[in-house]
Structures are given as structure tokens and as C-alpha cells.
Amino acid sequence: MPLTHTVGSITVTALLDGAGPFFQPRAEAFPDATAEQWREAYRRDPDTVTPDGRWWLPFRAFALRTGDGPVTLVDAGIGPVDALAASWAPVPGRLPAEMAGAGIDPADVRTVVLTHLHTDHIGWAGLLFPNADHLVQRAELAALELFHPELPARLLGPLRAAGQLRVVDGDTTLTPGVRVLSTPGHTPGHQSVLVDDGDDRLLVTGDLLVHTLQLIDPTLAYAHEEDPATAATSRTTLLNTLTPLTLATPHLGTPFTPHPRPPTHPR
């Protein structure tokens, strides 16, 4: 059964589409991380390290729902066997089965928020969700040269033709208590989703942060960020201004991570 977290009347369900080793050594993904930071990251999140020292990467989407009402899905995983992520991710993903296990019918999804257009976040977008608008930042669409060359023909063109592509500029309210936040840096139009009940907050991060290292040091750059300085600013700003909150993350070992954590000391 997928894990859930409740914020007010909204249930957030973590849907694991798959997991596998990252395609390059983890030290190349975070070249500036210190040995002490790696030790602390392993202490906090041991499930993301394989026995031979590789980065083990979960791939998650998150469903937001009040009662049995319409569903907002944040990201769409790695996708089926012929997905655009097939060259590096462990396809086929199992998102349809995860949704069934959570009692979610894809037909009930009314909005799919694509945090960004990297292939491991768009895999099931489009045909699996015939009743859903797919929400993308305009700045992301203006930077299509950064993404998979088949993206326009395989996803964006069909969404436009079906009237299912919703383009937004910056922060946008989706429903009461649910808001899209512009968090550029990882990609030009990266966005995250804030679920806010006043005394309780949850941030679905997308790739605003991809590893526990970036909770230890939010300024730490990830090699696949398009603009590391802007990504660090987006990350530090939200982590400093929204605390306390729960982080709902696609790639950390556990899907729901309290922030800030109690003080810890590296071993």
C-alpha cells in the first residue's frame, strides 16, 4: 500500500513508479560534496546507497486528493517500456498499479503538474490521464532545446492538440490550499507544489532537491542543474521561509521527510 501524509483535509499519496541505480557515479553527480557530508547523508538516508556505493534512485509521483474528489498528480514518473526515459531509467514503471493500490482511477486525475520536463518526470503523462490538464511553466517550454528531442512530438504536441496543455507563468493557485511555486534552476521553468493548511505545510519538491546532501547543505550543486546558482537560491529560499514543513520528494529514500530535522552530528 502506498504511503500517505495528510495536510488538513488533503491526502498526499506517494506513488513509487520504480527504482534503480543512477547512471553515473554519485561523486560525479555531486563533485563538491565533502567526505563528511557523504557520511552524514548516508546516516540519514542509507536506502539510497547500494552495497557497491552507487546512488540508488527511487522515482515517485505524488497524488493530492480531498476525500473522493478529483486528483491532482504531481509528476508522472518514468513511464512504460517505450518511454523517453528508457535509455537510462528502470522502465517499465508501475505507476498504474500503484494508483490502483491507492484506490485512484486515472480518469479521476484532473490536473497533472509536471515539475519539469526531464524524462523521469513525464513518463505516464498524456494518454494515461485523458481528463487532466497538464500544467507546465512557460519558461520551461521556452527552453525545449534542453530536453529530449522527441518531447514535442511525443508529448507536448498531442497535449496541445487535445487541449490538455495548460501553460502558467510563475506562482499559481490550483485549489484551496494547493499552490504551484516557481522554483527555477534545475531547469529554467522548474516548479514545486505547496500544500498549506496554515499550521501544517508540505512541499512536493520535484528536483528542487534530489539528494539528502542538499538538505545538509542547500547550496550544494547537482551536476545536472542547468543553473546551479539559481537552483541553490530557490532551494535555500524555500527551506528557510517555509519551515517547518514536510518535504515530499521523488528521489530521496523515504518519500516524506520532516524539515528542519532535529540537530544531528556526523559520525
Protein backbone atom coordinates (compact mmCIF):
# COMPACT_ATOMS: atom_id res chain seq x y z
CA MET A 1 0.00 0.00 0.00
CA PRO A 2 1.49 3.40 -0.95
CA LEU A 3 2.50 5.71 1.89
CA THR A 4 0.36 8.78 2.62
CA HIS A 5 0.65 12.05 4.51
CA THR A 6 -2.31 14.26 5.44
CA VAL A 7 -2.31 18.06 5.43
CA GLY A 8 -5.63 19.38 6.68
CA SER A 9 -8.27 17.68 4.53
CA ILE A 10 -5.82 16.80 1.73
CA THR A 11 -4.27 13.35 1.50
CA VAL A 12 -0.93 13.22 -0.28
CA THR A 13 -0.06 9.75 -1.61
CA ALA A 14 3.46 8.77 -2.64
CA LEU A 15 3.38 6.59 -5.76
CA LEU A 16 6.60 4.69 -6.50
CA ASP A 17 6.99 4.17 -10.24
CA GLY A 18 10.32 2.38 -9.99
CA ALA A 19 13.83 2.41 -8.57
CA GLY A 20 17.31 1.72 -9.89
CA PRO A 21 20.95 2.81 -9.81
CA PHE A 22 21.88 6.22 -11.15
CA PHE A 23 23.69 6.19 -14.48
CA GLN A 24 26.92 7.77 -13.21
CA PRO A 25 29.00 7.60 -10.01
CA ARG A 26 27.41 9.60 -7.23
CA ALA A 27 30.64 11.57 -6.68
CA GLU A 28 30.32 12.87 -10.26
CA ALA A 29 26.73 13.94 -9.59
CA PHE A 30 27.85 15.97 -6.54
CA PRO A 31 31.51 16.80 -7.19
CA ASP A 32 31.73 19.40 -4.40
CA ALA A 33 30.38 17.22 -1.59
CA THR A 34 32.83 16.54 1.22
CA ALA A 35 33.53 13.18 2.83
CA GLU A 36 31.83 14.41 5.99
CA GLN A 37 28.69 15.38 4.03
CA TRP A 38 28.60 11.97 2.35
CA ARG A 39 28.85 10.24 5.74
CA GLU A 40 26.01 12.33 7.13
CA ALA A 41 23.88 11.76 4.02
CA TYR A 42 24.37 8.00 4.36
CA ARG A 43 23.48 8.16 8.05
CA ARG A 44 20.24 9.99 7.29
CA ASP A 45 19.28 8.16 4.11
CA PRO A 46 21.03 4.76 3.85
CA ASP A 47 18.49 3.33 1.41
CA THR A 48 19.85 5.46 -1.43
CA VAL A 49 23.28 3.78 -1.39
CA THR A 50 23.86 0.34 -2.91
CA PRO A 51 26.30 -2.17 -1.35
CA ASP A 52 28.87 -1.23 -4.01
CA GLY A 53 28.49 2.51 -3.32
CA ARG A 54 26.19 3.55 -6.18
CA TRP A 55 23.32 6.03 -5.85
CA TRP A 56 20.05 4.08 -5.69
CA LEU A 57 17.34 6.30 -7.08
CA PRO A 58 13.59 5.98 -6.42
CA PHE A 59 11.24 7.58 -8.97
CA ARG A 60 7.98 8.86 -7.46
CA ALA A 61 4.88 10.81 -8.34
CA PHE A 62 2.51 12.27 -5.72
CA ALA A 63 -1.29 12.34 -5.76
CA LEU A 64 -3.20 15.07 -3.90
CA ARG A 65 -6.84 14.46 -3.04
CA THR A 66 -9.57 15.63 -0.69
CA GLY A 67 -11.92 12.77 0.15
CA ASP A 68 -13.02 11.07 -3.05
CA GLY A 69 -12.78 14.28 -5.07
CA PRO A 70 -10.70 15.00 -8.15
CA VAL A 71 -6.99 14.22 -8.05
CA THR A 72 -4.01 16.47 -8.69
CA LEU A 73 -0.96 14.44 -9.68
CA VAL A 74 2.50 15.95 -9.30
CA ASP A 75 4.84 14.43 -11.89
CA ALA A 76 4.26 11.34 -13.99
CA GLY A 77 7.20 9.04 -13.36
CA ILE A 78 9.44 7.11 -15.73
CA GLY A 79 6.66 5.58 -17.81
CA PRO A 80 6.11 2.41 -19.85
CA VAL A 81 8.72 0.29 -21.58
CA ASP A 82 8.95 2.62 -24.60
CA ALA A 83 9.06 5.85 -22.56
CA LEU A 84 11.56 8.60 -23.31
CA ALA A 85 13.46 7.67 -20.12
CA ALA A 86 14.07 4.10 -21.36
CA SER A 87 17.72 4.75 -22.21
CA TRP A 88 18.66 5.22 -18.56
CA ALA A 89 15.75 4.59 -16.16
CA PRO A 90 14.34 1.21 -14.98
CA VAL A 91 11.28 1.11 -17.23
CA PRO A 92 8.59 -0.11 -17.32
CA GLY A 93 7.34 1.79 -14.33
CA ARG A 94 4.47 0.61 -12.17
CA LEU A 95 2.53 3.83 -11.65
CA PRO A 96 -0.82 2.42 -12.89
CA ALA A 97 -0.60 -0.44 -10.39
CA GLU A 98 0.47 1.93 -7.61
CA MET A 99 -2.52 4.14 -8.32
CA ALA A 100 -4.85 1.13 -8.29
CA GLY A 101 -3.40 0.07 -4.95
CA ALA A 102 -4.17 3.53 -3.60
CA GLY A 103 -7.73 3.47 -4.95
CA ILE A 104 -7.04 6.16 -7.55
CA ASP A 105 -8.58 5.88 -11.02
CA PRO A 106 -6.50 7.71 -13.66
CA ALA A 107 -9.79 9.09 -15.00
CA ASP A 108 -10.19 11.00 -11.71
CA VAL A 109 -6.96 12.93 -12.27
CA ARG A 110 -7.94 16.45 -13.33
CA THR A 111 -4.51 18.13 -13.17
CA VAL A 112 -1.03 16.78 -13.78
CA VAL A 113 1.63 19.22 -12.60
CA LEU A 114 4.87 18.49 -14.42
CA THR A 115 7.55 19.95 -12.16
CA HIS A 116 9.86 19.96 -15.19
CA LEU A 117 10.33 18.20 -18.49
CA HIS A 118 13.12 15.73 -17.73
CA THR A 119 12.20 12.27 -18.94
CA ASP A 120 11.88 10.64 -15.49
CA HIS A 121 9.07 13.06 -14.56
CA ILE A 122 6.85 12.84 -17.67
CA GLY A 123 6.71 9.13 -18.47
CA TRP A 124 2.99 8.45 -18.00
CA ALA A 125 1.78 11.95 -18.94
CA GLY A 126 -0.79 12.27 -21.70
CA LEU A 127 -2.76 9.16 -22.63
CA LEU A 128 -2.97 7.68 -19.10
CA PHE A 129 -4.83 10.80 -17.91
CA PRO A 130 -7.44 11.67 -20.55
CA ASN A 131 -9.37 14.05 -18.28
CA ALA A 132 -6.39 16.04 -16.99
CA ASP A 133 -4.85 19.36 -17.84
CA HIS A 134 -1.05 19.10 -17.84
CA LEU A 135 0.47 22.16 -16.23
CA VAL A 136 3.90 23.46 -17.36
CA GLN A 137 5.68 26.75 -16.79
CA ARG A 138 6.07 28.96 -19.87
CA ALA A 139 9.78 29.30 -19.11
CA GLU A 140 10.12 25.52 -19.40
CA LEU A 141 8.50 25.46 -22.83
CA ALA A 142 10.80 28.27 -23.95
CA ALA A 143 13.82 26.04 -23.26
CA LEU A 144 12.87 22.90 -25.21
CA GLU A 145 16.37 22.61 -26.66
CA LEU A 146 17.50 21.41 -23.23
CA PHE A 147 15.22 18.37 -23.22
CA HIS A 148 14.73 15.12 -25.11
CA PRO A 149 14.45 15.86 -28.84
CA GLU A 150 11.32 13.70 -29.16
CA LEU A 151 9.49 15.60 -26.42
CA PRO A 152 7.48 17.93 -28.70
CA ALA A 153 6.23 15.13 -30.95
CA ARG A 154 5.71 12.50 -28.27
CA LEU A 155 4.08 14.61 -25.54
CA LEU A 156 3.65 18.34 -25.99
CA GLY A 157 2.13 18.26 -29.47
CA PRO A 158 -0.53 15.67 -28.56
CA LEU A 159 -1.36 17.55 -25.34
CA ARG A 160 -1.83 20.79 -27.27
CA ALA A 161 -3.96 19.07 -29.90
CA ALA A 162 -6.18 17.59 -27.18
CA GLY A 163 -6.49 20.90 -25.33
CA GLN A 164 -4.77 19.38 -22.30
CA LEU A 165 -1.67 21.60 -22.08
CA ARG A 166 -2.00 24.40 -19.53
CA VAL A 167 0.80 26.96 -19.58
CA VAL A 168 1.37 29.14 -16.49
CA ASP A 169 3.72 31.97 -15.56
CA GLY A 170 5.14 31.79 -12.04
CA ASP A 171 3.25 31.03 -8.84
CA THR A 172 -0.28 29.78 -9.43
CA THR A 173 -3.11 28.71 -7.11
CA LEU A 174 -4.60 25.38 -8.15
CA THR A 175 -7.21 24.66 -5.47
CA PRO A 176 -7.78 25.87 -1.90
CA GLY A 177 -4.60 25.08 -0.02
CA VAL A 178 -2.64 23.93 -3.09
CA ARG A 179 -0.32 26.28 -4.94
CA VAL A 180 2.33 25.92 -7.63
CA LEU A 181 5.57 27.75 -6.80
CA SER A 182 8.12 28.76 -9.38
CA THR A 183 11.46 27.19 -8.33
CA PRO A 184 13.83 27.62 -11.28
CA GLY A 185 17.40 26.44 -11.52
CA HIS A 186 17.32 22.70 -12.01
CA THR A 187 15.60 23.67 -15.24
CA PRO A 188 14.51 27.16 -16.34
CA GLY A 189 10.84 26.54 -15.60
CA HIS A 190 11.05 24.11 -12.71
CA GLN A 191 8.07 24.32 -10.34
CA SER A 192 7.15 22.78 -6.99
CA VAL A 193 3.78 22.32 -5.30
CA LEU A 194 2.94 23.63 -1.83
CA VAL A 195 0.10 22.13 0.21
CA ASP A 196 -0.67 24.59 3.02
CA ASP A 197 -3.12 24.27 5.88
CA GLY A 198 -1.79 27.20 7.88
CA ASP A 199 -0.24 25.25 10.75
CA ASP A 200 0.87 22.41 8.51
CA ARG A 201 2.73 22.55 5.19
CA LEU A 202 4.02 20.03 2.67
CA LEU A 203 6.18 20.82 -0.35
CA VAL A 204 6.27 18.43 -3.30
CA THR A 205 9.77 19.30 -4.43
CA GLY A 206 10.30 17.81 -7.86
CA ASP A 207 14.04 18.10 -8.39
CA LEU A 208 14.38 21.27 -6.32
CA LEU A 209 16.41 18.84 -4.23
CA VAL A 210 17.41 15.39 -5.40
CA HIS A 211 19.57 14.06 -2.58
CA THR A 212 19.84 14.34 1.21
CA LEU A 213 23.15 16.13 0.61
CA GLN A 214 21.10 19.16 -0.41
CA LEU A 215 19.32 19.17 2.93
CA ILE A 216 22.66 19.06 4.71
CA ASP A 217 23.90 21.91 2.52
CA PRO A 218 21.19 23.52 0.34
CA THR A 219 23.84 25.44 -1.61
CA LEU A 220 25.44 22.21 -2.85
CA ALA A 221 25.22 21.94 -6.62
CA TYR A 222 23.99 18.88 -8.51
CA ALA A 223 25.81 18.24 -11.79
CA HIS A 224 22.58 18.14 -13.82
CA GLU A 225 21.21 21.50 -12.74
CA GLU A 226 21.01 23.91 -15.66
CA ASP A 227 21.70 26.94 -13.42
CA PRO A 228 23.25 25.80 -10.12
CA ALA A 229 23.31 29.28 -8.55
CA THR A 230 19.61 29.85 -9.26
CA ALA A 231 18.77 26.33 -8.07
CA ALA A 232 20.61 26.97 -4.80
CA THR A 233 18.71 30.24 -4.33
CA SER A 234 15.35 28.53 -4.97
CA ARG A 235 16.24 25.74 -2.56
CA THR A 236 17.58 27.88 0.28
CA THR A 237 14.76 30.41 -0.01
CA LEU A 238 12.01 27.83 0.37
CA LEU A 239 13.75 25.77 3.02
CA ASN A 240 14.38 28.92 5.07
CA THR A 241 10.98 30.58 4.66
CA LEU A 242 8.53 27.67 4.75
CA THR A 243 9.85 25.76 7.76
CA PRO A 244 8.61 23.80 9.49
CA LEU A 245 7.29 21.67 6.66
CA THR A 246 7.29 18.16 5.25
CA LEU A 247 9.19 17.52 2.04
CA ALA A 248 7.61 15.12 -0.46
CA THR A 249 10.49 14.05 -2.68
CA PRO A 250 10.71 11.93 -5.83
CA HIS A 251 14.25 10.68 -5.24
CA LEU A 252 15.07 10.50 -1.51
CA GLY A 253 14.96 7.14 0.23
CA THR A 254 11.75 7.98 2.08
CA PRO A 255 9.01 9.98 0.34
CA PHE A 256 8.07 12.20 3.29
CA THR A 257 10.87 13.98 5.15
CA PRO A 258 10.30 16.46 8.01
CA HIS A 259 12.27 19.71 7.74
CA PRO A 260 14.02 21.02 9.68
CA ARG A 261 15.29 17.84 11.31
CA PRO A 262 16.40 17.81 14.93
CA PRO A 263 20.07 18.74 15.30
CA THR A 264 22.34 15.91 14.25
CA HIS A 265 26.04 15.29 14.41
CA PRO A 266 28.03 13.36 11.80
CA ARG A 267 29.65 10.19 13.00
